[in-house]
Amino acid sequence: MNGDFLQKVIKSIREIDEDLVQLPEELADSAPKYYVSTQIPTLDLAIGRPGIPSGKVTLFYGSEGHGKSTVAYHLLAEAQKSGGIAVLLDTEFAYDPDRATRIGIDNSSLILVHPSTIEEAFEVIEKVIQSVREESTAPLVIVWDSLAATPANTEVEKKDRFYDLQPGQQAKVLSSAMRKIIRQVAMNDVVLLLVNQVRENVGVLYGPKEIMPGGRAIKFYASLIVRIRRDGFVEEDGKRIGISCVAEVEKNKVSAPFREARFIIDFQKGVDIPHAYLLAAMSLGLVSRNGGWYAFDGDLKACSSRKFREDDWRELFTPDVKEIIDRCLKGGFTSAG
């Protein structure tokens, strides 16, 4: 195709708006500017990138008590650790500053907001993006926890008649607002993480048994969708001290979808990061397992010549071992792309 002809077409489009079309040499600017790690190496491997992408909308969803908020808190902690800005829209009023501190969040620099409606939440997101990007290009992570707990304006206005509401109010507001917010997220390189729940679809015999509050628009606009579910409990001395989780990447526009990640969440400390590194090392072929015994292989072989039990891992998980695994993780992300 003649280059002058293409330039003429592009010029005519840009008469409408200068930013509507990109030249081939500008296409690299469309890729995420940065990724924010979830601090869970197995989940980052399942995503196929070094974390959650900027300029995209990400959705975490699942049943109650399955670890969604905990994983989101780790994302906020990593944002702060990397010199970024962390914002939490807590419409569940469930934020525990003590537990957040144990996870790694600096409460003194966390922007914690309690919007009362969906409309107000989107106004907050717009204001945060505008004010931050006027002054800084640092990573910006906004977590909305959760969509299910945020009412629409129409629900709040009918204070004495909660039962007299039209169905689908949340879905209508979210559908129209998402069309506007995704452009701002993309143009300003923002990590926007939405946390949602699932509900039982009452009275359905042949259709889906579960539905998600807020309608289908959220899934349409999300570039990355991860379902987090609990698949067991972790016990110690007969007491439940945590849960084992499986995260399934159901939609992925930055790498290959339909991968799974496993990790353990401690009720007190959040995700068991060393254990997640052990699972990641095994998936990368750095550690092999034979029954209840493990052994270092590949790049880690020089770190230890003896076999070890899982209980010994924390002692063997030195900064040098972590550095080697991190280096291999980066290689895995490159090949995944």
C-alpha atoms as a PDB file:
ATOM      1  CA  MET A   1       0.000   0.000   0.000  1.00  0.00           C
ATOM      2  CA  ASN A   2       1.307   3.465  -0.925  1.00  0.00           C
ATOM      3  CA  GLY A   3       2.715   5.257   2.128  1.00  0.00           C
ATOM      4  CA  ASP A   4       1.429   8.670   1.027  1.00  0.00           C
ATOM      5  CA  PHE A   5      -2.080   7.242   0.708  1.00  0.00           C
ATOM      6  CA  LEU A   6      -1.935   5.830   4.276  1.00  0.00           C
ATOM      7  CA  GLN A   7      -0.692   9.167   5.610  1.00  0.00           C
ATOM      8  CA  LYS A   8      -3.598  10.893   3.902  1.00  0.00           C
ATOM      9  CA  VAL A   9      -6.105   8.520   5.547  1.00  0.00           C
ATOM     10  CA  ILE A  10      -4.451   8.979   8.957  1.00  0.00           C
ATOM     11  CA  LYS A  11      -4.451  12.755   8.531  1.00  0.00           C
ATOM     12  CA  SER A  12      -8.169  12.772   7.761  1.00  0.00           C
ATOM     13  CA  ILE A  13      -8.910  10.760  10.913  1.00  0.00           C
ATOM     14  CA  ARG A  14      -6.747  13.053  13.024  1.00  0.00           C
ATOM     15  CA  GLU A  15      -8.842  16.002  11.893  1.00  0.00           C
ATOM     16  CA  ILE A  16     -11.512  14.593  14.197  1.00  0.00           C
ATOM     17  CA  ASP A  17      -9.121  14.127  17.125  1.00  0.00           C
ATOM     18  CA  GLU A  18      -5.321  14.070  17.141  1.00  0.00           C
ATOM     19  CA  ASP A  19      -5.198  11.048  19.460  1.00  0.00           C
ATOM     20  CA  LEU A  20      -7.662   8.839  17.586  1.00  0.00           C
ATOM     21  CA  VAL A  21      -5.114   6.937  15.485  1.00  0.00           C
ATOM     22  CA  GLN A  22      -1.513   5.845  16.059  1.00  0.00           C
ATOM     23  CA  LEU A  23       1.304   5.549  13.564  1.00  0.00           C
ATOM     24  CA  PRO A  24       3.109   2.179  13.291  1.00  0.00           C
ATOM     25  CA  GLU A  25       6.146   3.546  15.133  1.00  0.00           C
ATOM     26  CA  GLU A  26       3.858   4.632  17.971  1.00  0.00           C
ATOM     27  CA  LEU A  27       2.245   1.216  18.504  1.00  0.00           C
ATOM     28  CA  ALA A  28       4.816   0.278  21.149  1.00  0.00           C
ATOM     29  CA  ASP A  29       3.246   2.978  23.312  1.00  0.00           C
ATOM     30  CA  SER A  30       0.034   0.894  23.436  1.00  0.00           C
ATOM     31  CA  ALA A  31       1.726  -1.847  25.483  1.00  0.00           C
ATOM     32  CA  PRO A  32       1.482  -1.634  29.290  1.00  0.00           C
ATOM     33  CA  LYS A  33       4.091   0.798  30.614  1.00  0.00           C
ATOM     34  CA  TYR A  34       4.666  -1.309  33.715  1.00  0.00           C
ATOM     35  CA  TYR A  35       3.420  -4.308  35.672  1.00  0.00           C
ATOM     36  CA  VAL A  36       2.819  -4.442  39.422  1.00  0.00           C
ATOM     37  CA  SER A  37       3.589  -7.826  40.945  1.00  0.00           C
ATOM     38  CA  THR A  38       1.009  -9.566  43.094  1.00  0.00           C
ATOM     39  CA  GLN A  39       3.969 -10.690  45.292  1.00  0.00           C
ATOM     40  CA  ILE A  40       2.774 -14.240  44.563  1.00  0.00           C
ATOM     41  CA  PRO A  41       5.190 -15.782  42.028  1.00  0.00           C
ATOM     42  CA  THR A  42       2.819 -18.615  41.107  1.00  0.00           C
ATOM     43  CA  LEU A  43       0.052 -16.107  40.276  1.00  0.00           C
ATOM     44  CA  ASP A  44       2.416 -13.915  38.264  1.00  0.00           C
ATOM     45  CA  LEU A  45       3.469 -17.034  36.331  1.00  0.00           C
ATOM     46  CA  ALA A  46      -0.175 -17.896  35.647  1.00  0.00           C
ATOM     47  CA  ILE A  47      -0.776 -14.362  34.360  1.00  0.00           C
ATOM     48  CA  GLY A  48       2.325 -14.782  32.184  1.00  0.00           C
ATOM     49  CA  ARG A  49       3.638 -11.325  33.042  1.00  0.00           C
ATOM     50  CA  PRO A  50       5.487  -9.789  36.032  1.00  0.00           C
ATOM     51  CA  GLY A  51       2.159  -8.874  37.623  1.00  0.00           C
ATOM     52  CA  ILE A  52      -0.988  -6.861  36.881  1.00  0.00           C
ATOM     53  CA  PRO A  53      -0.696  -4.676  33.749  1.00  0.00           C
ATOM     54  CA  SER A  54      -1.059  -0.902  33.735  1.00  0.00           C
ATOM     55  CA  GLY A  55      -3.551   0.763  31.441  1.00  0.00           C
ATOM     56  CA  LYS A  56      -5.968  -2.157  31.829  1.00  0.00           C
ATOM     57  CA  VAL A  57      -8.921  -3.107  34.001  1.00  0.00           C
ATOM     58  CA  THR A  58      -8.396  -6.278  36.060  1.00  0.00           C
ATOM     59  CA  LEU A  59     -11.124  -8.264  37.813  1.00  0.00           C
ATOM     60  CA  PHE A  60     -10.709 -10.593  40.799  1.00  0.00           C
ATOM     61  CA  TYR A  61     -13.861 -12.459  41.741  1.00  0.00           C
ATOM     62  CA  GLY A  62     -15.016 -15.450  43.749  1.00  0.00           C
ATOM     63  CA  SER A  63     -17.063 -16.532  46.748  1.00  0.00           C
ATOM     64  CA  GLU A  64     -16.803 -14.906  50.146  1.00  0.00           C
ATOM     65  CA  GLY A  65     -13.811 -15.777  52.317  1.00  0.00           C
ATOM     66  CA  HIS A  66     -11.727 -17.162  49.442  1.00  0.00           C
ATOM     67  CA  GLY A  67      -8.834 -14.692  49.580  1.00  0.00           C
ATOM     68  CA  LYS A  68      -9.694 -11.998  47.012  1.00  0.00           C
ATOM     69  CA  SER A  69      -9.086  -9.026  49.308  1.00  0.00           C
ATOM     70  CA  THR A  70      -5.879 -10.521  50.695  1.00  0.00           C
ATOM     71  CA  VAL A  71      -4.377 -10.847  47.214  1.00  0.00           C
ATOM     72  CA  ALA A  72      -5.505  -7.272  46.453  1.00  0.00           C
ATOM     73  CA  TYR A  73      -3.745  -6.040  49.618  1.00  0.00           C
ATOM     74  CA  HIS A  74      -0.521  -7.684  48.462  1.00  0.00           C
ATOM     75  CA  LEU A  75      -0.850  -5.761  45.198  1.00  0.00           C
ATOM     76  CA  LEU A  76      -1.219  -2.496  47.139  1.00  0.00           C
ATOM     77  CA  ALA A  77       1.810  -3.387  49.269  1.00  0.00           C
ATOM     78  CA  GLU A  78       3.907  -4.029  46.148  1.00  0.00           C
ATOM     79  CA  ALA A  79       2.784  -0.721  44.629  1.00  0.00           C
ATOM     80  CA  GLN A  80       4.062   1.128  47.686  1.00  0.00           C
ATOM     81  CA  LYS A  81       7.253  -0.935  47.766  1.00  0.00           C
ATOM     82  CA  SER A  82       8.024  -0.015  44.151  1.00  0.00           C
ATOM     83  CA  GLY A  83       7.577   3.706  44.848  1.00  0.00           C
ATOM     84  CA  GLY A  84       4.043   3.932  43.511  1.00  0.00           C
ATOM     85  CA  ILE A  85       0.763   5.282  44.842  1.00  0.00           C
ATOM     86  CA  ALA A  86      -1.776   2.908  46.392  1.00  0.00           C
ATOM     87  CA  VAL A  87      -5.483   3.768  46.587  1.00  0.00           C
ATOM     88  CA  LEU A  88      -8.150   1.563  48.181  1.00  0.00           C
ATOM     89  CA  LEU A  89     -11.863   2.161  47.677  1.00  0.00           C
ATOM     90  CA  ASP A  90     -13.244   0.191  50.628  1.00  0.00           C
ATOM     91  CA  THR A  91     -17.013   0.000  50.252  1.00  0.00           C
ATOM     92  CA  GLU A  92     -17.213  -3.071  52.490  1.00  0.00           C
ATOM     93  CA  PHE A  93     -15.727  -1.150  55.442  1.00  0.00           C
ATOM     94  CA  ALA A  94     -13.650  -4.264  56.079  1.00  0.00           C
ATOM     95  CA  TYR A  95     -10.119  -2.818  55.989  1.00  0.00           C
ATOM     96  CA  ASP A  96      -8.044  -3.998  58.958  1.00  0.00           C
ATOM     97  CA  PRO A  97      -4.975  -1.735  59.336  1.00  0.00           C
ATOM     98  CA  ASP A  98      -3.201  -4.184  61.669  1.00  0.00           C
ATOM     99  CA  ARG A  99      -3.512  -7.108  59.255  1.00  0.00           C
ATOM    100  CA  ALA A 100      -2.643  -4.825  56.357  1.00  0.00           C
ATOM    101  CA  THR A 101       0.572  -3.854  58.156  1.00  0.00           C
ATOM    102  CA  ARG A 102       1.483  -7.518  58.580  1.00  0.00           C
ATOM    103  CA  ILE A 103       0.913  -8.012  54.845  1.00  0.00           C
ATOM    104  CA  GLY A 104       3.255  -5.105  54.108  1.00  0.00           C
ATOM    105  CA  ILE A 105       1.024  -2.081  53.524  1.00  0.00           C
ATOM    106  CA  ASP A 106       2.219   1.273  54.863  1.00  0.00           C
ATOM    107  CA  ASN A 107      -0.962   2.750  56.330  1.00  0.00           C
ATOM    108  CA  SER A 108       0.568   6.221  56.533  1.00  0.00           C
ATOM    109  CA  SER A 109       0.854   6.467  52.736  1.00  0.00           C
ATOM    110  CA  LEU A 110      -2.272   4.499  51.753  1.00  0.00           C
ATOM    111  CA  ILE A 111      -5.149   6.555  50.332  1.00  0.00           C
ATOM    112  CA  LEU A 112      -8.224   4.927  51.891  1.00  0.00           C
ATOM    113  CA  VAL A 113     -11.612   6.067  50.572  1.00  0.00           C
ATOM    114  CA  HIS A 114     -15.147   5.000  51.532  1.00  0.00           C
ATOM    115  CA  PRO A 115     -17.428   5.984  48.616  1.00  0.00           C
ATOM    116  CA  SER A 116     -21.114   5.602  49.375  1.00  0.00           C
ATOM    117  CA  THR A 117     -22.328   4.878  45.835  1.00  0.00           C
ATOM    118  CA  ILE A 118     -21.075   3.545  42.497  1.00  0.00           C
ATOM    119  CA  GLU A 119     -21.339   7.005  40.965  1.00  0.00           C
ATOM    120  CA  GLU A 120     -19.253   8.489  43.780  1.00  0.00           C
ATOM    121  CA  ALA A 121     -16.650   5.722  43.416  1.00  0.00           C
ATOM    122  CA  PHE A 122     -16.155   6.546  39.741  1.00  0.00           C
ATOM    123  CA  GLU A 123     -15.875  10.244  40.596  1.00  0.00           C
ATOM    124  CA  VAL A 124     -13.152   9.389  43.104  1.00  0.00           C
ATOM    125  CA  ILE A 125     -11.284   7.300  40.521  1.00  0.00           C
ATOM    126  CA  GLU A 126     -11.423  10.160  37.994  1.00  0.00           C
ATOM    127  CA  LYS A 127     -10.226  12.714  40.553  1.00  0.00           C
ATOM    128  CA  VAL A 128      -7.373  10.492  41.740  1.00  0.00           C
ATOM    129  CA  ILE A 129      -6.161   9.832  38.186  1.00  0.00           C
ATOM    130  CA  GLN A 130      -6.336  13.513  37.274  1.00  0.00           C
ATOM    131  CA  SER A 131      -4.586  14.826  40.411  1.00  0.00           C
ATOM    132  CA  VAL A 132      -1.861  12.165  40.438  1.00  0.00           C
ATOM    133  CA  ARG A 133      -0.993  12.419  36.750  1.00  0.00           C
ATOM    134  CA  GLU A 134      -0.739  16.218  36.970  1.00  0.00           C
ATOM    135  CA  GLU A 135       2.204  15.786  39.328  1.00  0.00           C
ATOM    136  CA  SER A 136       3.665  12.297  38.900  1.00  0.00           C
ATOM    137  CA  THR A 137       4.270   9.416  36.493  1.00  0.00           C
ATOM    138  CA  ALA A 138       4.790   6.911  39.341  1.00  0.00           C
ATOM    139  CA  PRO A 139       2.861   3.625  39.247  1.00  0.00           C
ATOM    140  CA  LEU A 140      -0.733   4.184  40.328  1.00  0.00           C
ATOM    141  CA  VAL A 141      -2.738   1.248  41.679  1.00  0.00           C
ATOM    142  CA  ILE A 142      -6.451   1.655  42.493  1.00  0.00           C
ATOM    143  CA  VAL A 143      -8.307  -1.228  44.147  1.00  0.00           C
ATOM    144  CA  TRP A 144     -12.114  -1.191  44.453  1.00  0.00           C
ATOM    145  CA  ASP A 145     -13.225  -3.678  47.113  1.00  0.00           C
ATOM    146  CA  SER A 146     -15.904  -4.527  46.292  1.00  0.00           C
ATOM    147  CA  LEU A 147     -18.377  -3.877  43.507  1.00  0.00           C
ATOM    148  CA  ALA A 148     -20.984  -6.110  45.126  1.00  0.00           C
ATOM    149  CA  ALA A 149     -21.022  -3.948  48.269  1.00  0.00           C
ATOM    150  CA  THR A 150     -21.462  -0.643  46.422  1.00  0.00           C
ATOM    151  CA  PRO A 151     -25.036   0.549  45.863  1.00  0.00           C
ATOM    152  CA  ALA A 152     -26.268   2.767  43.047  1.00  0.00           C
ATOM    153  CA  ASN A 153     -27.614   6.243  43.787  1.00  0.00           C
ATOM    154  CA  THR A 154     -31.173   5.066  43.239  1.00  0.00           C
ATOM    155  CA  GLU A 155     -30.790   2.521  46.042  1.00  0.00           C
ATOM    156  CA  VAL A 156     -29.521   5.112  48.511  1.00  0.00           C
ATOM    157  CA  GLU A 157     -32.249   7.606  47.656  1.00  0.00           C
ATOM    158  CA  LYS A 158     -34.996   5.096  48.544  1.00  0.00           C
ATOM    159  CA  LYS A 159     -33.926   4.872  52.173  1.00  0.00           C
ATOM    160  CA  ASP A 160     -37.245   3.572  53.480  1.00  0.00           C
ATOM    161  CA  ARG A 161     -38.220   1.393  50.523  1.00  0.00           C
ATOM    162  CA  PHE A 162     -35.317  -0.924  49.758  1.00  0.00           C
ATOM    163  CA  TYR A 163     -37.739  -3.509  48.410  1.00  0.00           C
ATOM    164  CA  ASP A 164     -39.173  -1.148  45.776  1.00  0.00           C
ATOM    165  CA  LEU A 165     -36.187  -1.068  43.398  1.00  0.00           C
ATOM    166  CA  GLN A 166     -35.922  -1.759  39.705  1.00  0.00           C
ATOM    167  CA  PRO A 167     -33.718  -4.786  38.926  1.00  0.00           C
ATOM    168  CA  GLY A 168     -30.303  -4.230  37.408  1.00  0.00           C
ATOM    169  CA  GLN A 169     -29.562  -0.785  38.851  1.00  0.00           C
ATOM    170  CA  GLN A 170     -25.925  -1.676  39.554  1.00  0.00           C
ATOM    171  CA  ALA A 171     -25.480  -3.157  36.086  1.00  0.00           C
ATOM    172  CA  LYS A 172     -26.899  -0.090  34.317  1.00  0.00           C
ATOM    173  CA  VAL A 173     -24.625   2.343  36.158  1.00  0.00           C
ATOM    174  CA  LEU A 174     -21.518   0.165  35.824  1.00  0.00           C
ATOM    175  CA  SER A 175     -22.107  -0.460  32.124  1.00  0.00           C
ATOM    176  CA  SER A 176     -22.269   3.243  31.260  1.00  0.00           C
ATOM    177  CA  ALA A 177     -19.471   4.282  33.636  1.00  0.00           C
ATOM    178  CA  MET A 178     -17.040   1.575  32.477  1.00  0.00           C
ATOM    179  CA  ARG A 179     -17.273   2.855  28.915  1.00  0.00           C
ATOM    180  CA  LYS A 180     -15.886   6.163  30.145  1.00  0.00           C
ATOM    181  CA  ILE A 181     -13.339   5.012  32.710  1.00  0.00           C
ATOM    182  CA  ILE A 182     -11.442   2.493  30.558  1.00  0.00           C
ATOM    183  CA  ARG A 183     -10.112   5.290  28.333  1.00  0.00           C
ATOM    184  CA  GLN A 184      -8.830   7.242  31.341  1.00  0.00           C
ATOM    185  CA  VAL A 185      -7.203   4.112  32.760  1.00  0.00           C
ATOM    186  CA  ALA A 186      -5.493   3.383  29.441  1.00  0.00           C
ATOM    187  CA  MET A 187      -4.374   6.933  28.654  1.00  0.00           C
ATOM    188  CA  ASN A 188      -2.928   7.473  32.136  1.00  0.00           C
ATOM    189  CA  ASP A 189      -1.306   4.042  32.682  1.00  0.00           C
ATOM    190  CA  VAL A 190      -3.335   3.132  35.758  1.00  0.00           C
ATOM    191  CA  VAL A 191      -3.692  -0.294  37.354  1.00  0.00           C
ATOM    192  CA  LEU A 192      -7.397  -0.581  38.182  1.00  0.00           C
ATOM    193  CA  LEU A 193      -8.339  -3.715  40.096  1.00  0.00           C
ATOM    194  CA  LEU A 194     -12.018  -4.476  40.674  1.00  0.00           C
ATOM    195  CA  VAL A 195     -12.953  -7.036  43.321  1.00  0.00           C
ATOM    196  CA  ASN A 196     -16.331  -8.730  43.037  1.00  0.00           C
ATOM    197  CA  GLN A 197     -18.259 -11.624  44.515  1.00  0.00           C
ATOM    198  CA  VAL A 198     -20.534 -14.320  43.165  1.00  0.00           C
ATOM    199  CA  ARG A 199     -24.119 -14.972  44.160  1.00  0.00           C
ATOM    200  CA  GLU A 200     -26.353 -18.009  43.834  1.00  0.00           C
ATOM    201  CA  ASN A 201     -28.668 -17.674  40.848  1.00  0.00           C
ATOM    202  CA  VAL A 202     -31.906 -18.518  42.633  1.00  0.00           C
ATOM    203  CA  GLY A 203     -34.627 -20.332  40.724  1.00  0.00           C
ATOM    204  CA  VAL A 204     -32.533 -21.323  37.712  1.00  0.00           C
ATOM    205  CA  LEU A 205     -32.720 -24.960  36.639  1.00  0.00           C
ATOM    206  CA  TYR A 206     -30.752 -25.042  33.383  1.00  0.00           C
ATOM    207  CA  GLY A 207     -28.755 -21.810  33.281  1.00  0.00           C
ATOM    208  CA  PRO A 208     -25.652 -20.786  35.254  1.00  0.00           C
ATOM    209  CA  LYS A 209     -25.933 -21.524  38.968  1.00  0.00           C
ATOM    210  CA  GLU A 210     -23.864 -18.457  39.905  1.00  0.00           C
ATOM    211  CA  ILE A 211     -24.077 -14.814  38.887  1.00  0.00           C
ATOM    212  CA  MET A 212     -21.914 -11.791  39.589  1.00  0.00           C
ATOM    213  CA  PRO A 213     -23.434  -8.517  40.887  1.00  0.00           C
ATOM    214  CA  GLY A 214     -23.052  -5.662  38.453  1.00  0.00           C
ATOM    215  CA  GLY A 215     -23.963  -7.469  35.269  1.00  0.00           C
ATOM    216  CA  ARG A 216     -21.836  -8.644  32.371  1.00  0.00           C
ATOM    217  CA  ALA A 217     -20.264  -5.314  31.420  1.00  0.00           C
ATOM    218  CA  ILE A 218     -17.472  -5.727  33.964  1.00  0.00           C
ATOM    219  CA  LYS A 219     -16.228  -8.893  32.281  1.00  0.00           C
ATOM    220  CA  PHE A 220     -16.473  -7.293  28.854  1.00  0.00           C
ATOM    221  CA  TYR A 221     -14.254  -4.354  29.808  1.00  0.00           C
ATOM    222  CA  ALA A 222     -11.744  -6.277  31.953  1.00  0.00           C
ATOM    223  CA  SER A 223      -8.551  -7.296  30.131  1.00  0.00           C
ATOM    224  CA  LEU A 224      -7.560  -9.704  32.908  1.00  0.00           C
ATOM    225  CA  ILE A 225     -10.031 -11.828  34.874  1.00  0.00           C
ATOM    226  CA  VAL A 226      -8.921 -14.078  37.727  1.00  0.00           C
ATOM    227  CA  ARG A 227     -11.248 -16.282  39.741  1.00  0.00           C
ATOM    228  CA  ILE A 228      -9.925 -17.076  43.206  1.00  0.00           C
ATOM    229  CA  ARG A 229     -11.360 -20.012  45.106  1.00  0.00           C
ATOM    230  CA  ARG A 230     -10.574 -21.917  48.270  1.00  0.00           C
ATOM    231  CA  ASP A 231      -9.830 -25.605  47.833  1.00  0.00           C
ATOM    232  CA  GLY A 232      -8.945 -26.576  51.408  1.00  0.00           C
ATOM    233  CA  PHE A 233      -7.828 -25.509  54.861  1.00  0.00           C
ATOM    234  CA  VAL A 234      -4.395 -25.396  56.477  1.00  0.00           C
ATOM    235  CA  GLU A 235      -4.337 -26.798  59.999  1.00  0.00           C
ATOM    236  CA  GLU A 236      -1.816 -26.696  62.809  1.00  0.00           C
ATOM    237  CA  ASP A 237      -2.327 -28.488  66.145  1.00  0.00           C
ATOM    238  CA  GLY A 238      -5.911 -29.180  65.168  1.00  0.00           C
ATOM    239  CA  LYS A 239      -6.699 -25.525  64.457  1.00  0.00           C
ATOM    240  CA  ARG A 240      -7.380 -23.922  61.106  1.00  0.00           C
ATOM    241  CA  ILE A 241      -4.699 -21.282  60.547  1.00  0.00           C
ATOM    242  CA  GLY A 242      -5.203 -20.640  56.826  1.00  0.00           C
ATOM    243  CA  ILE A 243      -6.616 -21.719  53.504  1.00  0.00           C
ATOM    244  CA  SER A 244      -5.173 -23.137  50.310  1.00  0.00           C
ATOM    245  CA  CYS A 245      -6.284 -21.272  47.200  1.00  0.00           C
ATOM    246  CA  VAL A 246      -6.439 -21.785  43.465  1.00  0.00           C
ATOM    247  CA  ALA A 247      -6.470 -18.779  41.129  1.00  0.00           C
ATOM    248  CA  GLU A 248      -7.749 -19.424  37.608  1.00  0.00           C
ATOM    249  CA  VAL A 249      -6.942 -16.909  34.861  1.00  0.00           C
ATOM    250  CA  GLU A 250     -10.185 -16.955  32.870  1.00  0.00           C
ATOM    251  CA  LYS A 251      -9.410 -14.051  30.529  1.00  0.00           C
ATOM    252  CA  ASN A 252      -6.025 -12.644  29.616  1.00  0.00           C
ATOM    253  CA  LYS A 253      -5.258 -10.034  26.947  1.00  0.00           C
ATOM    254  CA  VAL A 254      -1.573  -9.678  27.893  1.00  0.00           C
ATOM    255  CA  SER A 255      -0.598 -13.361  27.700  1.00  0.00           C
ATOM    256  CA  ALA A 256      -2.084 -16.849  27.415  1.00  0.00           C
ATOM    257  CA  PRO A 257      -5.268 -17.493  29.456  1.00  0.00           C
ATOM    258  CA  PHE A 258      -6.584 -20.550  31.324  1.00  0.00           C
ATOM    259  CA  ARG A 259      -3.616 -21.097  33.620  1.00  0.00           C
ATOM    260  CA  GLU A 260      -3.866 -21.878  37.325  1.00  0.00           C
ATOM    261  CA  ALA A 261      -1.882 -20.768  40.352  1.00  0.00           C
ATOM    262  CA  ARG A 262      -1.828 -22.280  43.823  1.00  0.00           C
ATOM    263  CA  PHE A 263      -0.859 -20.574  47.061  1.00  0.00           C
ATOM    264  CA  ILE A 264      -1.607 -20.564  50.788  1.00  0.00           C
ATOM    265  CA  ILE A 265      -3.134 -17.693  52.764  1.00  0.00           C
ATOM    266  CA  ASP A 266      -2.328 -17.423  56.459  1.00  0.00           C
ATOM    267  CA  PHE A 267      -5.165 -15.824  58.425  1.00  0.00           C
ATOM    268  CA  GLN A 268      -2.691 -13.570  60.260  1.00  0.00           C
ATOM    269  CA  LYS A 269       0.106 -12.828  57.781  1.00  0.00           C
ATOM    270  CA  GLY A 270      -1.548 -12.995  54.381  1.00  0.00           C
ATOM    271  CA  VAL A 271      -0.159 -15.058  51.506  1.00  0.00           C
ATOM    272  CA  ASP A 272       2.643 -17.470  52.453  1.00  0.00           C
ATOM    273  CA  ILE A 273       5.234 -15.982  50.097  1.00  0.00           C
ATOM    274  CA  PRO A 274       8.086 -18.481  50.766  1.00  0.00           C
ATOM    275  CA  HIS A 275       5.743 -21.414  50.085  1.00  0.00           C
ATOM    276  CA  ALA A 276       4.599 -19.751  46.843  1.00  0.00           C
ATOM    277  CA  TYR A 277       8.259 -19.434  45.833  1.00  0.00           C
ATOM    278  CA  LEU A 278       8.732 -23.156  46.448  1.00  0.00           C
ATOM    279  CA  LEU A 279       5.781 -23.963  44.168  1.00  0.00           C
ATOM    280  CA  ALA A 280       7.122 -21.547  41.545  1.00  0.00           C
ATOM    281  CA  ALA A 281      10.597 -23.117  41.752  1.00  0.00           C
ATOM    282  CA  MET A 282       9.047 -26.540  41.160  1.00  0.00           C
ATOM    283  CA  SER A 283       7.082 -25.329  38.124  1.00  0.00           C
ATOM    284  CA  LEU A 284      10.257 -23.776  36.708  1.00  0.00           C
ATOM    285  CA  GLY A 285      12.200 -27.016  37.176  1.00  0.00           C
ATOM    286  CA  LEU A 286      14.506 -25.527  39.824  1.00  0.00           C
ATOM    287  CA  VAL A 287      13.293 -27.898  42.542  1.00  0.00           C
ATOM    288  CA  SER A 288      12.260 -31.516  42.123  1.00  0.00           C
ATOM    289  CA  ARG A 289      10.079 -33.562  44.436  1.00  0.00           C
ATOM    290  CA  ASN A 290      10.189 -37.250  45.252  1.00  0.00           C
ATOM    291  CA  GLY A 291       7.534 -38.199  47.780  1.00  0.00           C
ATOM    292  CA  GLY A 292       8.034 -35.955  50.800  1.00  0.00           C
ATOM    293  CA  TRP A 293      11.587 -35.008  49.805  1.00  0.00           C
ATOM    294  CA  TYR A 294      12.723 -32.054  47.709  1.00  0.00           C
ATOM    295  CA  ALA A 295      16.030 -31.327  45.988  1.00  0.00           C
ATOM    296  CA  PHE A 296      17.576 -28.321  44.243  1.00  0.00           C
ATOM    297  CA  ASP A 297      18.034 -28.692  40.480  1.00  0.00           C
ATOM    298  CA  GLY A 298      19.270 -26.547  37.615  1.00  0.00           C
ATOM    299  CA  ASP A 299      20.451 -23.070  38.593  1.00  0.00           C
ATOM    300  CA  LEU A 300      19.706 -23.773  42.255  1.00  0.00           C
ATOM    301  CA  LYS A 301      21.789 -26.944  42.478  1.00  0.00           C
ATOM    302  CA  ALA A 302      24.826 -25.053  43.775  1.00  0.00           C
ATOM    303  CA  CYS A 303      22.788 -23.673  46.678  1.00  0.00           C
ATOM    304  CA  SER A 304      22.350 -27.046  48.380  1.00  0.00           C
ATOM    305  CA  SER A 305      23.548 -30.583  47.777  1.00  0.00           C
ATOM    306  CA  ARG A 306      21.224 -32.261  50.252  1.00  0.00           C
ATOM    307  CA  LYS A 307      17.614 -33.290  50.049  1.00  0.00           C
ATOM    308  CA  PHE A 308      15.213 -31.428  52.270  1.00  0.00           C
ATOM    309  CA  ARG A 309      11.686 -31.511  53.641  1.00  0.00           C
ATOM    310  CA  GLU A 310       9.101 -28.793  53.091  1.00  0.00           C
ATOM    311  CA  ASP A 311       9.567 -27.672  56.704  1.00  0.00           C
ATOM    312  CA  ASP A 312      13.236 -26.944  55.925  1.00  0.00           C
ATOM    313  CA  TRP A 313      12.426 -24.634  53.037  1.00  0.00           C
ATOM    314  CA  ARG A 314      12.192 -21.410  55.071  1.00  0.00           C
ATOM    315  CA  GLU A 315      15.731 -21.981  56.330  1.00  0.00           C
ATOM    316  CA  LEU A 316      17.013 -22.690  52.810  1.00  0.00           C
ATOM    317  CA  PHE A 317      15.059 -19.801  51.238  1.00  0.00           C
ATOM    318  CA  THR A 318      17.923 -17.292  51.423  1.00  0.00           C
ATOM    319  CA  PRO A 319      18.167 -13.997  49.492  1.00  0.00           C
ATOM    320  CA  ASP A 320      20.490 -15.748  47.017  1.00  0.00           C
ATOM    321  CA  VAL A 321      17.918 -18.483  46.376  1.00  0.00           C
ATOM    322  CA  LYS A 322      15.159 -15.866  45.968  1.00  0.00           C
ATOM    323  CA  GLU A 323      17.314 -13.907  43.513  1.00  0.00           C
ATOM    324  CA  ILE A 324      17.901 -16.981  41.329  1.00  0.00           C
ATOM    325  CA  ILE A 325      14.191 -17.837  41.288  1.00  0.00           C
ATOM    326  CA  ASP A 326      13.299 -14.214  40.467  1.00  0.00           C
ATOM    327  CA  ARG A 327      15.774 -14.265  37.592  1.00  0.00           C
ATOM    328  CA  CYS A 328      14.235 -17.450  36.209  1.00  0.00           C
ATOM    329  CA  LEU A 329      10.766 -15.970  36.667  1.00  0.00           C
ATOM    330  CA  LYS A 330      11.715 -13.042  34.437  1.00  0.00           C
ATOM    331  CA  GLY A 331      12.834 -15.491  31.781  1.00  0.00           C
ATOM    332  CA  GLY A 332       9.524 -17.317  32.116  1.00  0.00           C
ATOM    333  CA  PHE A 333       7.593 -14.081  31.611  1.00  0.00           C
ATOM    334  CA  THR A 334       9.608 -13.280  28.501  1.00  0.00           C
ATOM    335  CA  SER A 335       8.921 -16.665  26.936  1.00  0.00           C
ATOM    336  CA  ALA A 336       5.238 -16.444  27.914  1.00  0.00           C
ATOM    337  CA  GLY A 337       4.826 -13.273  25.918  1.00  0.00           C
END
